[in-house]
Protein backbone atom coordinates (compact mmCIF):
# COMPACT_ATOMS: atom_id res chain seq x y z
CA MET A 1 97.31 21.24 -48.00
CA THR A 2 97.90 18.98 -51.02
CA ARG A 3 96.29 19.57 -54.40
CA TYR A 4 93.87 16.68 -53.73
CA GLU A 5 92.68 18.34 -50.55
CA HIS A 6 91.69 21.54 -52.32
CA ARG A 7 87.90 21.65 -51.99
CA THR A 8 85.10 24.03 -52.83
CA SER A 9 83.30 26.00 -50.17
CA GLY A 10 79.71 25.14 -49.41
CA GLY A 11 80.14 21.40 -49.84
CA ASN A 12 79.95 21.26 -53.64
CA ALA A 13 82.84 19.86 -55.63
CA VAL A 14 81.26 20.98 -58.91
CA GLU A 15 79.16 24.11 -59.40
CA VAL A 16 77.90 24.99 -62.88
CA ARG A 17 75.75 28.00 -63.76
CA GLY A 18 74.33 28.82 -67.19
CA LEU A 19 77.01 26.92 -69.12
CA VAL A 20 76.75 27.27 -72.91
CA LYS A 21 78.77 25.74 -75.76
CA HIS A 22 78.05 26.10 -79.47
CA PHE A 23 79.25 24.08 -82.45
CA GLY A 24 78.27 26.33 -85.33
CA ASP A 25 74.48 26.60 -85.21
CA THR A 26 74.18 23.67 -82.79
CA LYS A 27 73.85 24.43 -79.08
CA ALA A 28 75.56 21.36 -77.64
CA VAL A 29 75.25 22.76 -74.10
CA ASP A 30 72.44 25.23 -73.57
CA GLY A 31 72.37 26.92 -70.17
CA VAL A 32 73.23 23.98 -67.91
CA ASP A 33 73.10 24.36 -64.11
CA LEU A 34 74.57 21.59 -61.93
CA ASP A 35 75.65 21.07 -58.32
CA VAL A 36 77.63 17.97 -57.33
CA PRO A 37 78.23 17.64 -53.57
CA GLU A 38 81.66 16.46 -52.48
CA GLY A 39 82.06 12.70 -52.15
CA THR A 40 79.05 11.83 -54.30
CA VAL A 41 78.36 10.51 -57.81
CA LEU A 42 76.21 12.48 -60.24
CA GLY A 43 74.92 10.36 -63.09
CA VAL A 44 74.32 12.33 -66.30
CA LEU A 45 71.92 10.58 -68.65
CA GLY A 46 70.82 11.51 -72.13
CA PRO A 47 70.55 10.19 -75.69
CA ASN A 48 73.45 10.43 -78.13
CA GLY A 49 74.02 14.04 -79.09
CA ALA A 50 72.35 15.36 -75.93
CA GLY A 51 75.48 17.28 -74.88
CA LYS A 52 76.90 14.98 -72.20
CA THR A 53 80.41 14.67 -73.64
CA THR A 54 80.58 18.37 -74.52
CA LEU A 55 79.65 19.20 -70.92
CA VAL A 56 82.44 16.95 -69.60
CA ARG A 57 84.95 18.50 -72.00
CA CYS A 58 84.04 21.99 -70.82
CA LEU A 59 84.37 20.98 -67.17
CA SER A 60 87.75 19.33 -67.79
CA THR A 61 89.18 22.37 -69.68
CA LEU A 62 89.36 20.56 -73.05
CA LEU A 63 86.77 22.95 -74.49
CA MET A 64 86.24 26.63 -73.74
CA PRO A 65 82.60 27.37 -72.88
CA ASP A 66 80.95 30.24 -74.72
CA ALA A 67 79.04 31.50 -71.69
CA GLY A 68 78.31 30.71 -68.06
CA THR A 69 80.58 29.71 -65.19
CA ALA A 70 81.90 26.46 -63.76
CA VAL A 71 83.92 25.91 -60.60
CA VAL A 72 85.43 22.47 -60.01
CA ALA A 73 87.35 21.56 -56.83
CA GLY A 74 87.52 25.28 -56.07
CA TYR A 75 89.02 26.27 -59.45
CA ASP A 76 87.37 28.25 -62.23
CA VAL A 77 87.55 26.14 -65.39
CA VAL A 78 88.23 29.18 -67.58
CA ARG A 79 90.52 31.28 -65.38
CA GLN A 80 92.43 28.50 -63.59
CA PRO A 81 92.71 25.61 -66.05
CA ARG A 82 96.29 24.60 -65.17
CA GLN A 83 95.55 24.31 -61.47
CA LEU A 84 92.32 22.44 -62.16
CA ARG A 85 93.96 19.82 -64.37
CA ARG A 86 96.10 18.70 -61.45
CA THR A 87 93.03 17.90 -59.32
CA ILE A 88 90.87 15.99 -61.81
CA GLY A 89 90.86 12.69 -63.67
CA LEU A 90 89.16 12.01 -67.00
CA THR A 91 88.23 8.89 -68.91
CA GLY A 92 86.74 9.72 -72.28
CA GLN A 93 84.61 7.56 -74.54
CA TYR A 94 87.67 6.26 -76.35
CA ALA A 95 90.78 4.85 -74.67
CA SER A 96 93.77 7.17 -74.96
CA VAL A 97 97.10 5.62 -73.96
CA ASP A 98 100.67 5.73 -75.27
CA GLU A 99 100.85 2.61 -77.43
CA LYS A 100 104.66 2.48 -77.45
CA LEU A 101 104.90 2.26 -73.67
CA SER A 102 104.00 -0.77 -71.60
CA GLY A 103 100.93 -0.71 -69.41
CA TRP A 104 103.08 -0.20 -66.31
CA GLU A 105 105.11 2.56 -67.96
CA ASN A 106 101.92 4.40 -68.93
CA LEU A 107 100.71 4.44 -65.35
CA TYR A 108 104.11 5.25 -63.85
CA MET A 109 104.58 8.16 -66.27
CA ILE A 110 101.20 9.65 -65.37
CA GLY A 111 101.93 9.24 -61.67
CA ARG A 112 105.19 11.13 -62.05
CA LEU A 113 103.47 13.87 -64.11
CA LEU A 114 101.09 14.25 -61.18
CA ASP A 115 104.11 14.83 -58.90
CA LEU A 116 103.93 11.48 -57.13
CA SER A 117 107.31 10.37 -55.82
CA ARG A 118 109.05 7.53 -57.68
CA LYS A 119 108.13 5.16 -54.88
CA ASP A 120 104.47 6.23 -54.81
CA ALA A 121 104.19 6.20 -58.61
CA ARG A 122 105.53 2.63 -58.73
CA ALA A 123 103.21 1.53 -55.95
CA ARG A 124 100.15 3.12 -57.55
CA ALA A 125 100.99 1.65 -60.96
CA ASP A 126 101.28 -1.83 -59.45
CA ALA A 127 98.07 -1.42 -57.45
CA MET A 128 95.99 -0.15 -60.38
CA LEU A 129 97.24 -2.89 -62.71
CA GLU A 130 96.16 -5.45 -60.15
CA ARG A 131 92.77 -3.85 -59.56
CA PHE A 132 92.01 -3.88 -63.28
CA SER A 133 93.40 -7.40 -63.90
CA LEU A 134 96.31 -6.17 -66.04
CA THR A 135 99.25 -7.42 -63.95
CA ASP A 136 100.08 -10.25 -66.37
CA ALA A 137 100.27 -7.74 -69.25
CA ALA A 138 102.10 -5.03 -67.27
CA LYS A 139 105.34 -5.23 -69.30
CA ARG A 140 103.71 -5.55 -72.72
CA ALA A 141 103.44 -2.55 -75.05
CA ALA A 142 99.96 -1.05 -74.94
CA ARG A 143 99.65 -1.51 -78.71
CA THR A 144 99.41 -5.27 -78.13
CA TYR A 145 96.43 -4.88 -75.78
CA SER A 146 92.93 -5.81 -76.82
CA GLY A 147 90.28 -3.08 -76.93
CA GLY A 148 88.96 -4.07 -73.50
CA MET A 149 92.46 -4.10 -72.00
CA ARG A 150 93.19 -0.63 -73.42
CA ARG A 151 89.95 0.60 -71.91
CA ARG A 152 90.89 -0.78 -68.50
CA LEU A 153 94.35 0.78 -68.73
CA ASP A 154 92.79 4.13 -69.60
CA LEU A 155 90.50 3.89 -66.60
CA ALA A 156 93.43 3.00 -64.35
CA ALA A 157 95.35 6.01 -65.68
CA SER A 158 92.49 8.39 -64.83
CA MET A 159 92.40 7.11 -61.26
CA ILE A 160 96.11 6.75 -60.48
CA GLY A 161 96.50 10.19 -58.92
CA ARG A 162 93.47 9.83 -56.64
CA PRO A 163 91.80 12.89 -58.21
CA SER A 164 89.42 14.91 -56.09
CA VAL A 165 87.00 15.06 -59.04
CA LEU A 166 86.79 12.26 -61.60
CA TYR A 167 84.95 12.50 -64.92
CA LEU A 168 83.85 9.18 -66.39
CA ASP A 169 82.37 9.60 -69.87
CA GLU A 170 80.58 6.30 -70.60
CA PRO A 171 83.45 4.44 -68.92
CA THR A 172 82.30 0.84 -69.33
CA THR A 173 81.26 0.87 -72.97
CA GLY A 174 82.53 -2.34 -74.57
CA LEU A 175 83.66 -3.96 -71.32
CA ASP A 176 82.68 -7.48 -70.31
CA PRO A 177 80.48 -7.86 -67.19
CA ARG A 178 83.36 -8.91 -64.91
CA THR A 179 85.53 -5.93 -65.86
CA ARG A 180 82.55 -3.59 -65.64
CA ASN A 181 81.98 -4.75 -62.06
CA GLU A 182 85.68 -4.11 -61.32
CA VAL A 183 85.28 -0.55 -62.59
CA TRP A 184 82.19 -0.06 -60.44
CA ASP A 185 84.00 -1.37 -57.36
CA GLU A 186 86.91 0.98 -57.96
CA VAL A 187 84.60 3.98 -58.42
CA LYS A 188 82.81 3.12 -55.17
CA ARG A 189 86.17 2.78 -53.41
CA MET A 190 87.32 6.21 -54.62
CA VAL A 191 84.06 7.85 -53.55
CA SER A 192 84.35 6.23 -50.12
CA GLU A 193 87.79 7.86 -49.87
CA GLY A 194 86.37 11.31 -50.67
CA SER A 195 86.49 11.65 -54.46
CA THR A 196 83.59 13.15 -56.40
CA VAL A 197 82.47 11.57 -59.68
CA LEU A 198 80.55 12.93 -62.65
CA LEU A 199 79.45 9.91 -64.66
CA THR A 200 77.85 9.97 -68.09
CA THR A 201 76.27 6.70 -69.11
CA GLN A 202 73.56 5.08 -71.17
CA TYR A 203 73.59 1.94 -69.03
CA MET A 204 70.65 2.29 -66.69
CA GLU A 205 72.03 -0.42 -64.39
CA GLU A 206 75.27 1.55 -64.10
CA ALA A 207 73.42 4.70 -63.08
CA GLU A 208 71.43 2.82 -60.45
CA GLN A 209 74.56 1.10 -59.13
CA LEU A 210 76.71 4.21 -58.79
CA ALA A 211 74.78 7.47 -58.84
CA ASP A 212 73.57 9.33 -55.76
CA ASP A 213 71.72 11.80 -57.97
CA LEU A 214 70.79 11.94 -61.64
CA ALA A 215 70.55 14.70 -64.23
CA VAL A 216 68.85 13.99 -67.54
CA ILE A 217 70.15 16.09 -70.44
CA ASP A 218 68.49 16.43 -73.83
CA ARG A 219 69.40 18.89 -76.59
CA GLY A 220 71.88 20.59 -74.31
CA LYS A 221 69.45 21.27 -71.45
CA VAL A 222 68.89 19.61 -68.08
CA ILE A 223 65.29 18.44 -68.36
CA ALA A 224 65.04 16.45 -65.12
CA GLU A 225 67.10 15.85 -62.00
CA GLY A 226 66.84 14.14 -58.65
CA ARG A 227 67.48 10.80 -57.00
CA VAL A 228 66.70 7.60 -58.87
CA ASN A 229 63.50 6.88 -56.95
CA GLU A 230 62.39 10.52 -57.21
CA LEU A 231 62.62 10.40 -61.00
CA LYS A 232 60.85 7.06 -61.08
CA ALA A 233 58.05 8.44 -58.93
CA LYS A 234 57.54 11.29 -61.41
CA VAL A 235 56.85 8.84 -64.23
CA GLY A 236 53.69 6.85 -63.78
CA GLY A 237 53.73 6.18 -60.06
CA ARG A 238 53.98 2.68 -58.60
CA THR A 239 52.54 -0.77 -59.16
CA LEU A 240 51.17 -2.60 -56.14
CA GLN A 241 51.99 -6.30 -56.42
CA ILE A 242 49.86 -8.69 -54.35
CA ARG A 243 50.49 -12.41 -54.01
CA PRO A 244 47.39 -14.37 -52.89
CA SER A 245 47.97 -17.33 -50.59
CA ASP A 246 45.89 -19.41 -53.00
CA PRO A 247 46.99 -18.91 -56.65
CA GLY A 248 43.54 -20.01 -57.72
CA GLU A 249 42.18 -16.75 -56.27
CA LEU A 250 44.07 -14.54 -58.75
CA HIS A 251 41.18 -13.77 -61.08
CA ARG A 252 38.62 -13.44 -58.25
CA MET A 253 40.91 -10.93 -56.57
CA VAL A 254 41.30 -8.96 -59.81
CA GLY A 255 37.54 -8.89 -60.23
CA ALA A 256 36.99 -7.66 -56.68
CA ILE A 257 39.40 -4.75 -57.09
CA THR A 258 38.11 -3.78 -60.54
CA GLN A 259 34.44 -3.85 -59.53
CA ALA A 260 34.96 -1.98 -56.25
CA GLY A 261 35.51 1.33 -58.04
CA LEU A 262 38.08 2.58 -55.55
CA ASP A 263 38.97 6.26 -55.98
CA GLY A 264 41.63 6.74 -58.67
CA ILE A 265 42.13 3.01 -59.33
CA ALA A 266 41.10 1.95 -62.81
CA GLY A 267 41.51 -1.76 -62.23
CA ALA A 268 43.91 -4.64 -61.75
CA THR A 269 45.56 -7.35 -63.84
CA ALA A 270 46.61 -10.92 -63.14
CA ASP A 271 50.14 -12.17 -63.80
CA VAL A 272 49.47 -15.90 -63.84
CA ALA A 273 53.09 -16.87 -64.48
CA GLU A 274 54.29 -14.99 -61.37
CA GLY A 275 51.16 -15.58 -59.31
CA LEU A 276 50.67 -11.84 -58.76
CA VAL A 277 47.90 -9.27 -58.96
CA ASN A 278 49.19 -5.93 -60.28
CA VAL A 279 47.41 -2.69 -59.35
CA PRO A 280 48.64 0.73 -60.62
CA ILE A 281 48.64 3.23 -57.72
CA ILE A 282 49.91 6.75 -57.14
CA SER A 283 49.52 7.14 -53.37
CA ASP A 284 49.85 5.31 -50.05
CA GLU A 285 46.14 5.93 -49.49
CA GLN A 286 45.28 3.87 -52.57
CA LEU A 287 47.58 1.07 -51.40
CA THR A 288 45.83 1.04 -48.02
CA ALA A 289 42.38 1.04 -49.67
CA VAL A 290 43.20 -1.94 -51.90
CA ILE A 291 44.61 -4.04 -49.06
CA GLY A 292 41.69 -3.06 -46.82
CA LEU A 293 39.19 -4.10 -49.49
CA LEU A 294 40.80 -7.49 -49.95
CA GLY A 295 40.80 -8.05 -46.18
CA GLU A 296 37.09 -7.20 -46.00
CA ARG A 297 36.35 -9.66 -48.83
CA GLY A 298 38.18 -12.44 -47.00
CA PHE A 299 41.14 -12.89 -49.36
CA ALA A 300 44.28 -14.39 -47.79
CA ILE A 301 47.50 -12.63 -48.87
CA SER A 302 50.99 -14.15 -48.65
CA GLY A 303 52.98 -11.18 -49.93
CA ILE A 304 52.80 -7.47 -50.83
CA ASP A 305 55.33 -5.35 -52.70
CA THR A 306 55.48 -2.12 -54.71
CA HIS A 307 57.34 -1.69 -57.98
CA LEU A 308 58.61 1.58 -59.42
CA PRO A 309 59.18 2.03 -63.17
CA SER A 310 62.58 0.91 -64.40
CA LEU A 311 65.16 3.60 -65.11
CA ASP A 312 64.90 2.65 -68.79
CA GLU A 313 61.20 3.51 -68.68
CA VAL A 314 61.93 6.77 -66.91
CA PHE A 315 64.57 7.71 -69.48
CA LEU A 316 62.20 6.99 -72.37
CA ALA A 317 59.33 8.87 -70.74
CA ILE A 318 61.42 11.97 -69.96
CA THR A 319 63.39 12.25 -73.21
CA GLY A 320 60.76 10.80 -75.52
CA GLN A 321 63.36 8.66 -77.26
CA LYS A 322 65.46 5.55 -76.84
CA THR A 323 69.06 5.61 -75.65
CA SER A 324 70.53 5.57 -79.16
CA THR A 325 69.93 8.28 -81.77
CA PRO A 326 71.66 9.32 -85.02
CA GLU A 327 74.99 11.10 -84.78
CA THR A 328 74.81 14.89 -84.61
CA PRO A 329 77.36 17.55 -85.66
CA ALA A 330 78.38 17.85 -82.00
CA ASP A 331 79.06 14.10 -81.88
CA LYS A 332 81.31 14.38 -84.93
CA ASP A 333 83.24 17.31 -83.45
CA ASN A 334 83.69 15.44 -80.17
CA LYS A 335 84.89 12.36 -82.02
CA LYS A 336 87.50 14.44 -83.85
CA LEU A 337 88.67 15.90 -80.54
CA GLU A 338 88.98 12.38 -79.11
CA GLU A 339 91.11 11.33 -82.10
CA VAL A 340 93.38 14.35 -81.64
CA ALA A 341 93.74 13.61 -77.92
CA ALA A 342 94.59 9.98 -78.69
């Protein structure tokens, strides 16, 4: 069995129970419980200072937790750190590469440190440079790379050993849309090959694109978790969108729904620009009642759809704040650790 085949029992690649980490009086991680099934992506959302990066650092052995337990790829993060480091990959918030080496040399060196043969290390370095559009710059010193190129090289380095568990801490911050899509494609490819990913992000689109499940962290605690649609359903239900065959019927249709006094339905609104009637609903029974009413009143309908709240709206509703907040002491400590690692 190779190191990348070492798996946890019970189907979870990551199991966290009661994890705690303090920075002085600040509880950066405050009793976190997490389960990440093998071969899936867990998206960890939260405002700045919520504890996401501290959690990743504890799970990747860069920080020692103050309490609780964590088992990753079958290894205890406190008691078996050396073994664990050989099974994981990590991309932090700031690119960390050897500036004196070329892009290819950076990747080859990491491959060899991970015990890949010379042949395999060369092949993986070539493949990752191509996947992240760095082939033309392969022989240039990393210090000559732009910020985006350094970021892509750092991502390639974290993936070169095909880790069984990959931590991506806001991996696409500062990347252009094309490169961001390349990163997403590579993450999907790795998961399809059996890797497990813990992704922290503030890009809602990224979470929806990649994550099987979500955990929302605020002030060091997990305050919500579930699949994307499950979290959306917890925040304000759905909107029934009805398109009348005759756009001129929009306001008559709105009036019919509003005046009918259907159970639990306060009313409807007309979106003239889109040619839609919007009706807030919370159940399938209400949807059926609205459509039945319109049929009884003789309205012709050309289309029906339901819309869940956006993940941005869910995030704001759950955390009570936007995705950017002032820097906390934990942020500053993490930034110092990143600078030391670089």
